[in-house]
Structures are given as C-alpha cells and as structure tokens.
C-alpha cells in the first residue's frame, strides 16, 4: 500500500533545469550589456565623415586657387 503514495512524476529536475537556464540567460544579457557599454565613447563615424568633408573642401579650395 505504501507504493501508491509515490508521485508518478518528479518536477524537481525540470525546475532545476529551468532555473539554470534562466541564470545562463541573465548572465549572457549582463555580459552583452557590459560589452556594449565598454565601446569607445566617441562616435568614429562622425569623425570620419567630418574629416572627409573637410578634406573635400580643402581640395576644392586648392583647385580654385590653381
């Protein structure tokens, strides 16, 4: 009669796996946030575009002077 009191399914293993999966996901999100925030603070694209605009203006000035 004592065998009838055993559960047919144990949820402990599944719960443990879900908790581990959630911790891994949180860790990956934190690592991604740290990676994105550690980039250079200056905007390199505007620096490059400003340099090319300035160089084109200088080239046009030189052509007009010649």
PDB file of N, CA and C in Angstrom:
ATOM      1  N   UNK A   1       0.797  -1.190   0.000  1.00  0.00           N
ATOM      2  CA  UNK A   1       0.000   0.000   0.000  1.00  0.00           C
ATOM      3  C   UNK A   1       0.852   1.272   0.000  1.00  0.00           C
ATOM      4  N   UNK A   2       2.065   1.220   0.487  1.00  0.00           N
ATOM      5  CA  UNK A   2       2.905   2.407   0.536  1.00  0.00           C
ATOM      6  C   UNK A   2       3.353   2.845  -0.850  1.00  0.00           C
ATOM      7  N   UNK A   3       3.335   1.964  -1.828  1.00  0.00           N
ATOM      8  CA  UNK A   3       3.744   2.323  -3.176  1.00  0.00           C
ATOM      9  C   UNK A   3       2.744   3.256  -3.848  1.00  0.00           C
ATOM     10  N   UNK A   4       1.536   3.341  -3.405  1.00  0.00           N
ATOM     11  CA  UNK A   4       0.533   4.201  -4.016  1.00  0.00           C
ATOM     12  C   UNK A   4       0.757   5.680  -3.698  1.00  0.00           C
ATOM     13  N   UNK A   5       1.596   5.967  -2.759  1.00  0.00           N
ATOM     14  CA  UNK A   5       1.826   7.359  -2.369  1.00  0.00           C
ATOM     15  C   UNK A   5       2.983   8.010  -3.113  1.00  0.00           C
ATOM     16  N   UNK A   6       3.687   7.265  -3.950  1.00  0.00           N
ATOM     17  CA  UNK A   6       4.771   7.837  -4.722  1.00  0.00           C
ATOM     18  C   UNK A   6       4.207   8.625  -5.908  1.00  0.00           C
ATOM     19  N   UNK A   7       4.733   9.815  -6.162  1.00  0.00           N
ATOM     20  CA  UNK A   7       4.232  10.575  -7.310  1.00  0.00           C
ATOM     21  C   UNK A   7       4.661   9.908  -8.622  1.00  0.00           C
ATOM     22  N   UNK A   8       3.871  10.070  -9.635  1.00  0.00           N
ATOM     23  CA  UNK A   8       4.204   9.483 -10.921  1.00  0.00           C
ATOM     24  C   UNK A   8       5.274  10.283 -11.649  1.00  0.00           C
ATOM     25  N   UNK A   9       5.398  11.555 -11.305  1.00  0.00           N
ATOM     26  CA  UNK A   9       6.398  12.397 -11.962  1.00  0.00           C
ATOM     27  C   UNK A   9       7.019  13.318 -10.929  1.00  0.00           C
ATOM     28  N   UNK A  10       8.331  13.513 -11.039  1.00  0.00           N
ATOM     29  CA  UNK A  10       9.049  14.388 -10.121  1.00  0.00           C
ATOM     30  C   UNK A  10       9.401  15.672 -10.851  1.00  0.00           C
ATOM     31  N   UNK A  11       8.912  16.809 -10.378  1.00  0.00           N
ATOM     32  CA  UNK A  11       9.144  18.093 -11.028  1.00  0.00           C
ATOM     33  C   UNK A  11      10.453  18.760 -10.603  1.00  0.00           C
ATOM     34  N   UNK A  12      11.163  18.195  -9.674  1.00  0.00           N
ATOM     35  CA  UNK A  12      12.368  18.842  -9.136  1.00  0.00           C
ATOM     36  C   UNK A  12      13.440  19.006 -10.210  1.00  0.00           C
ATOM     37  N   UNK A  13      13.676  18.006 -11.037  1.00  0.00           N
ATOM     38  CA  UNK A  13      14.725  18.085 -12.054  1.00  0.00           C
ATOM     39  C   UNK A  13      14.386  19.146 -13.100  1.00  0.00           C
ATOM     40  N   UNK A  14      13.146  19.203 -13.546  1.00  0.00           N
ATOM     41  CA  UNK A  14      12.749  20.202 -14.529  1.00  0.00           C
ATOM     42  C   UNK A  14      12.852  21.615 -13.981  1.00  0.00           C
ATOM     43  N   UNK A  15      12.460  21.801 -12.746  1.00  0.00           N
ATOM     44  CA  UNK A  15      12.551  23.115 -12.111  1.00  0.00           C
ATOM     45  C   UNK A  15      14.006  23.548 -12.002  1.00  0.00           C
ATOM     46  N   UNK A  16      14.868  22.617 -11.621  1.00  0.00           N
ATOM     47  CA  UNK A  16      16.301  22.910 -11.518  1.00  0.00           C
ATOM     48  C   UNK A  16      16.864  23.323 -12.874  1.00  0.00           C
ATOM     49  N   UNK A  17      16.490  22.632 -13.931  1.00  0.00           N
ATOM     50  CA  UNK A  17      16.992  22.951 -15.271  1.00  0.00           C
ATOM     51  C   UNK A  17      16.487  24.321 -15.735  1.00  0.00           C
ATOM     52  N   UNK A  18      15.255  24.658 -15.430  1.00  0.00           N
ATOM     53  CA  UNK A  18      14.719  25.971 -15.803  1.00  0.00           C
ATOM     54  C   UNK A  18      15.449  27.075 -15.064  1.00  0.00           C
ATOM     55  N   UNK A  19      15.756  26.866 -13.798  1.00  0.00           N
ATOM     56  CA  UNK A  19      16.491  27.868 -13.026  1.00  0.00           C
ATOM     57  C   UNK A  19      17.894  28.056 -13.597  1.00  0.00           C
ATOM     58  N   UNK A  20      18.568  26.972 -13.933  1.00  0.00           N
ATOM     59  CA  UNK A  20      19.908  27.067 -14.536  1.00  0.00           C
ATOM     60  C   UNK A  20      19.833  27.799 -15.866  1.00  0.00           C
ATOM     61  N   UNK A  21      18.840  27.483 -16.694  1.00  0.00           N
ATOM     62  CA  UNK A  21      18.671  28.151 -17.985  1.00  0.00           C
ATOM     63  C   UNK A  21      18.434  29.647 -17.804  1.00  0.00           C
ATOM     64  N   UNK A  22      17.609  30.017 -16.830  1.00  0.00           N
ATOM     65  CA  UNK A  22      17.333  31.427 -16.562  1.00  0.00           C
ATOM     66  C   UNK A  22      18.597  32.152 -16.111  1.00  0.00           C
ATOM     67  N   UNK A  23      19.401  31.512 -15.277  1.00  0.00           N
ATOM     68  CA  UNK A  23      20.650  32.132 -14.819  1.00  0.00           C
ATOM     69  C   UNK A  23      21.636  32.320 -15.970  1.00  0.00           C
ATOM     70  N   UNK A  24      21.704  31.350 -16.860  1.00  0.00           N
ATOM     71  CA  UNK A  24      22.591  31.480 -18.028  1.00  0.00           C
ATOM     72  C   UNK A  24      22.116  32.627 -18.919  1.00  0.00           C
ATOM     73  N   UNK A  25      20.811  32.738 -19.132  1.00  0.00           N
ATOM     74  CA  UNK A  25      20.277  33.834 -19.951  1.00  0.00           C
ATOM     75  C   UNK A  25      20.570  35.189 -19.330  1.00  0.00           C
ATOM     76  N   UNK A  26      20.376  35.308 -18.027  1.00  0.00           N
ATOM     77  CA  UNK A  26      20.671  36.569 -17.346  1.00  0.00           C
ATOM     78  C   UNK A  26      22.159  36.887 -17.456  1.00  0.00           C
ATOM     79  N   UNK A  27      23.009  35.885 -17.302  1.00  0.00           N
ATOM     80  CA  UNK A  27      24.451  36.094 -17.429  1.00  0.00           C
ATOM     81  C   UNK A  27      24.844  36.568 -18.814  1.00  0.00           C
ATOM     82  N   UNK A  28      24.222  35.995 -19.844  1.00  0.00           N
ATOM     83  CA  UNK A  28      24.529  36.420 -21.214  1.00  0.00           C
ATOM     84  C   UNK A  28      24.065  37.848 -21.476  1.00  0.00           C
ATOM     85  N   UNK A  29      22.912  38.214 -20.959  1.00  0.00           N
ATOM     86  CA  UNK A  29      22.424  39.582 -21.131  1.00  0.00           C
ATOM     87  C   UNK A  29      23.336  40.574 -20.415  1.00  0.00           C
ATOM     88  N   UNK A  30      23.781  40.231 -19.223  1.00  0.00           N
ATOM     89  CA  UNK A  30      24.702  41.112 -18.483  1.00  0.00           C
ATOM     90  C   UNK A  30      26.030  41.229 -19.228  1.00  0.00           C
ATOM     91  N   UNK A  31      26.542  40.120 -19.745  1.00  0.00           N
ATOM     92  CA  UNK A  31      27.803  40.167 -20.492  1.00  0.00           C
ATOM     93  C   UNK A  31      27.656  41.018 -21.750  1.00  0.00           C
ATOM     94  N   UNK A  32      26.526  40.913 -22.421  1.00  0.00           N
ATOM     95  CA  UNK A  32      26.281  41.714 -23.615  1.00  0.00           C
ATOM     96  C   UNK A  32      26.188  43.201 -23.270  1.00  0.00           C
ATOM     97  N   UNK A  33      25.528  43.523 -22.163  1.00  0.00           N
ATOM     98  CA  UNK A  33      25.417  44.916 -21.740  1.00  0.00           C
ATOM     99  C   UNK A  33      26.790  45.495 -21.399  1.00  0.00           C
ATOM    100  N   UNK A  34      27.614  44.718 -20.725  1.00  0.00           N
ATOM    101  CA  UNK A  34      28.975  45.178 -20.394  1.00  0.00           C
ATOM    102  C   UNK A  34      29.789  45.360 -21.666  1.00  0.00           C
ATOM    103  N   UNK A  35      29.654  44.428 -22.605  1.00  0.00           N
ATOM    104  CA  UNK A  35      30.386  44.513 -23.867  1.00  0.00           C
ATOM    105  C   UNK A  35      29.985  45.752 -24.656  1.00  0.00           C
ATOM    106  N   UNK A  36      28.696  46.043 -24.714  1.00  0.00           N
ATOM    107  CA  UNK A  36      28.228  47.197 -25.477  1.00  0.00           C
ATOM    108  C   UNK A  36      28.595  48.514 -24.801  1.00  0.00           C
ATOM    109  N   UNK A  37      28.597  48.541 -23.482  1.00  0.00           N
ATOM    110  CA  UNK A  37      28.914  49.789 -22.787  1.00  0.00           C
ATOM    111  C   UNK A  37      30.413  50.060 -22.731  1.00  0.00           C
ATOM    112  N   UNK A  38      31.243  49.071 -23.000  1.00  0.00           N
ATOM    113  CA  UNK A  38      32.695  49.274 -22.929  1.00  0.00           C
ATOM    114  C   UNK A  38      33.282  49.756 -24.246  1.00  0.00           C
ATOM    115  N   UNK A  39      32.459  50.029 -25.246  1.00  0.00           N
ATOM    116  CA  UNK A  39      32.945  50.527 -26.525  1.00  0.00           C
ATOM    117  C   UNK A  39      33.478  51.940 -26.398  1.00  0.00           C
ATOM    118  N   UNK A  40      34.082  52.440 -27.475  1.00  0.00           N
ATOM    119  CA  UNK A  40      34.634  53.788 -27.424  1.00  0.00           C
ATOM    120  C   UNK A  40      33.510  54.805 -27.287  1.00  0.00           C
ATOM    121  N   UNK A  41      33.772  55.829 -26.519  1.00  0.00           N
ATOM    122  CA  UNK A  41      32.740  56.818 -26.237  1.00  0.00           C
ATOM    123  C   UNK A  41      32.566  57.820 -27.377  1.00  0.00           C
ATOM    124  N   UNK A  42      33.602  58.038 -28.193  1.00  0.00           N
ATOM    125  CA  UNK A  42      33.474  58.976 -29.301  1.00  0.00           C
ATOM    126  C   UNK A  42      32.837  58.277 -30.488  1.00  0.00           C
ATOM    127  N   UNK A  43      32.112  59.040 -31.265  1.00  0.00           N
ATOM    128  CA  UNK A  43      31.450  58.471 -32.438  1.00  0.00           C
ATOM    129  C   UNK A  43      32.416  58.547 -33.609  1.00  0.00           C
ATOM    130  N   UNK A  44      33.001  57.414 -33.960  1.00  0.00           N
ATOM    131  CA  UNK A  44      34.012  57.376 -35.004  1.00  0.00           C
ATOM    132  C   UNK A  44      33.436  57.692 -36.377  1.00  0.00           C
ATOM    133  N   UNK A  45      32.179  57.382 -36.623  1.00  0.00           N
ATOM    134  CA  UNK A  45      31.593  57.630 -37.934  1.00  0.00           C
ATOM    135  C   UNK A  45      31.497  59.124 -38.214  1.00  0.00           C
ATOM    136  N   UNK A  46      31.133  59.915 -37.224  1.00  0.00           N
ATOM    137  CA  UNK A  46      31.049  61.363 -37.461  1.00  0.00           C
ATOM    138  C   UNK A  46      32.440  61.949 -37.632  1.00  0.00           C
ATOM    139  N   UNK A  47      33.426  61.398 -36.905  1.00  0.00           N
ATOM    140  CA  UNK A  47      34.795  61.883 -37.064  1.00  0.00           C
ATOM    141  C   UNK A  47      35.278  61.626 -38.490  1.00  0.00           C
ATOM    142  N   UNK A  48      35.005  60.440 -38.997  1.00  0.00           N
ATOM    143  CA  UNK A  48      35.449  60.097 -40.353  1.00  0.00           C
ATOM    144  C   UNK A  48      34.736  60.957 -41.374  1.00  0.00           C
ATOM    145  N   UNK A  49      33.421  61.113 -41.214  1.00  0.00           N
ATOM    146  CA  UNK A  49      32.671  61.901 -42.192  1.00  0.00           C
ATOM    147  C   UNK A  49      33.075  63.378 -42.128  1.00  0.00           C
ATOM    148  N   UNK A  50      33.356  63.897 -40.939  1.00  0.00           N
ATOM    149  CA  UNK A  50      33.811  65.283 -40.825  1.00  0.00           C
ATOM    150  C   UNK A  50      35.160  65.459 -41.505  1.00  0.00           C
ATOM    151  N   UNK A  51      36.045  64.487 -41.327  1.00  0.00           N
ATOM    152  CA  UNK A  51      37.361  64.569 -41.951  1.00  0.00           C
ATOM    153  C   UNK A  51      37.244  64.533 -43.470  1.00  0.00           C
ATOM    154  N   UNK A  52      36.392  63.703 -44.000  1.00  0.00           N
ATOM    155  CA  UNK A  52      36.272  63.629 -45.453  1.00  0.00           C
ATOM    156  C   UNK A  52      35.621  64.881 -46.015  1.00  0.00           C
ATOM    157  N   UNK A  53      34.664  65.444 -45.296  1.00  0.00           N
ATOM    158  CA  UNK A  53      34.038  66.694 -45.754  1.00  0.00           C
ATOM    159  C   UNK A  53      35.064  67.820 -45.738  1.00  0.00           C
ATOM    160  N   UNK A  54      35.835  67.902 -44.670  1.00  0.00           N
ATOM    161  CA  UNK A  54      36.855  68.940 -44.576  1.00  0.00           C
ATOM    162  C   UNK A  54      37.918  68.759 -45.659  1.00  0.00           C
ATOM    163  N   UNK A  55      38.319  67.521 -45.914  1.00  0.00           N
ATOM    164  CA  UNK A  55      39.348  67.296 -46.929  1.00  0.00           C
ATOM    165  C   UNK A  55      38.818  67.640 -48.320  1.00  0.00           C
ATOM    166  N   UNK A  56      37.534  67.361 -48.585  1.00  0.00           N
ATOM    167  CA  UNK A  56      36.955  67.725 -49.878  1.00  0.00           C
ATOM    168  C   UNK A  56      36.886  69.242 -50.026  1.00  0.00           C
ATOM    169  N   UNK A  57      36.555  69.947 -48.955  1.00  0.00           N
ATOM    170  CA  UNK A  57      36.506  71.404 -49.005  1.00  0.00           C
ATOM    171  C   UNK A  57      37.893  71.974 -49.288  1.00  0.00           C
ATOM    172  N   UNK A  58      38.901  71.383 -48.644  1.00  0.00           N
ATOM    173  CA  UNK A  58      40.273  71.851 -48.867  1.00  0.00           C
ATOM    174  C   UNK A  58      40.707  71.574 -50.305  1.00  0.00           C
ATOM    175  N   UNK A  59      40.327  70.414 -50.838  1.00  0.00           N
ATOM    176  CA  UNK A  59      40.678  70.097 -52.224  1.00  0.00           C
ATOM    177  C   UNK A  59      40.004  71.074 -53.186  1.00  0.00           C
ATOM    178  N   UNK A  60      38.756  71.419 -52.912  1.00  0.00           N
ATOM    179  CA  UNK A  60      38.051  72.384 -53.773  1.00  0.00           C
ATOM    180  C   UNK A  60      38.702  73.758 -53.695  1.00  0.00           C
ATOM    181  N   UNK A  61      39.134  74.182 -52.525  1.00  0.00           N
ATOM    182  CA  UNK A  61      39.819  75.463 -52.360  1.00  0.00           C
ATOM    183  C   UNK A  61      41.130  75.471 -53.143  1.00  0.00           C
ATOM    184  N   UNK A  62      41.871  74.342 -53.066  1.00  0.00           N
ATOM    185  CA  UNK A  62      43.127  74.245 -53.788  1.00  0.00           C
ATOM    186  C   UNK A  62      42.904  74.299 -55.292  1.00  0.00           C
ATOM    187  N   UNK A  63      41.836  73.652 -55.751  1.00  0.00           N
ATOM    188  CA  UNK A  63      41.536  73.684 -57.190  1.00  0.00           C
ATOM    189  C   UNK A  63      41.169  75.095 -57.648  1.00  0.00           C
ATOM    190  N   UNK A  64      40.449  75.821 -56.802  1.00  0.00           N
ATOM    191  CA  UNK A  64      40.066  77.190 -57.166  1.00  0.00           C
ATOM    192  C   UNK A  64      41.282  78.106 -57.181  1.00  0.00           C
ATOM    193  N   UNK A  65      42.222  77.865 -56.261  1.00  0.00           N
ATOM    194  CA  UNK A  65      43.424  78.699 -56.211  1.00  0.00           C
ATOM    195  C   UNK A  65      44.346  78.417 -57.388  1.00  0.00           C
ATOM    196  N   UNK A  66      44.366  77.207 -57.891  1.00  0.00           N
ATOM    197  CA  UNK A  66      45.254  76.853 -59.007  1.00  0.00           C
ATOM    198  C   UNK A  66      44.707  77.313 -60.288  1.00  0.00           C
TER     199      UNK A  66
END
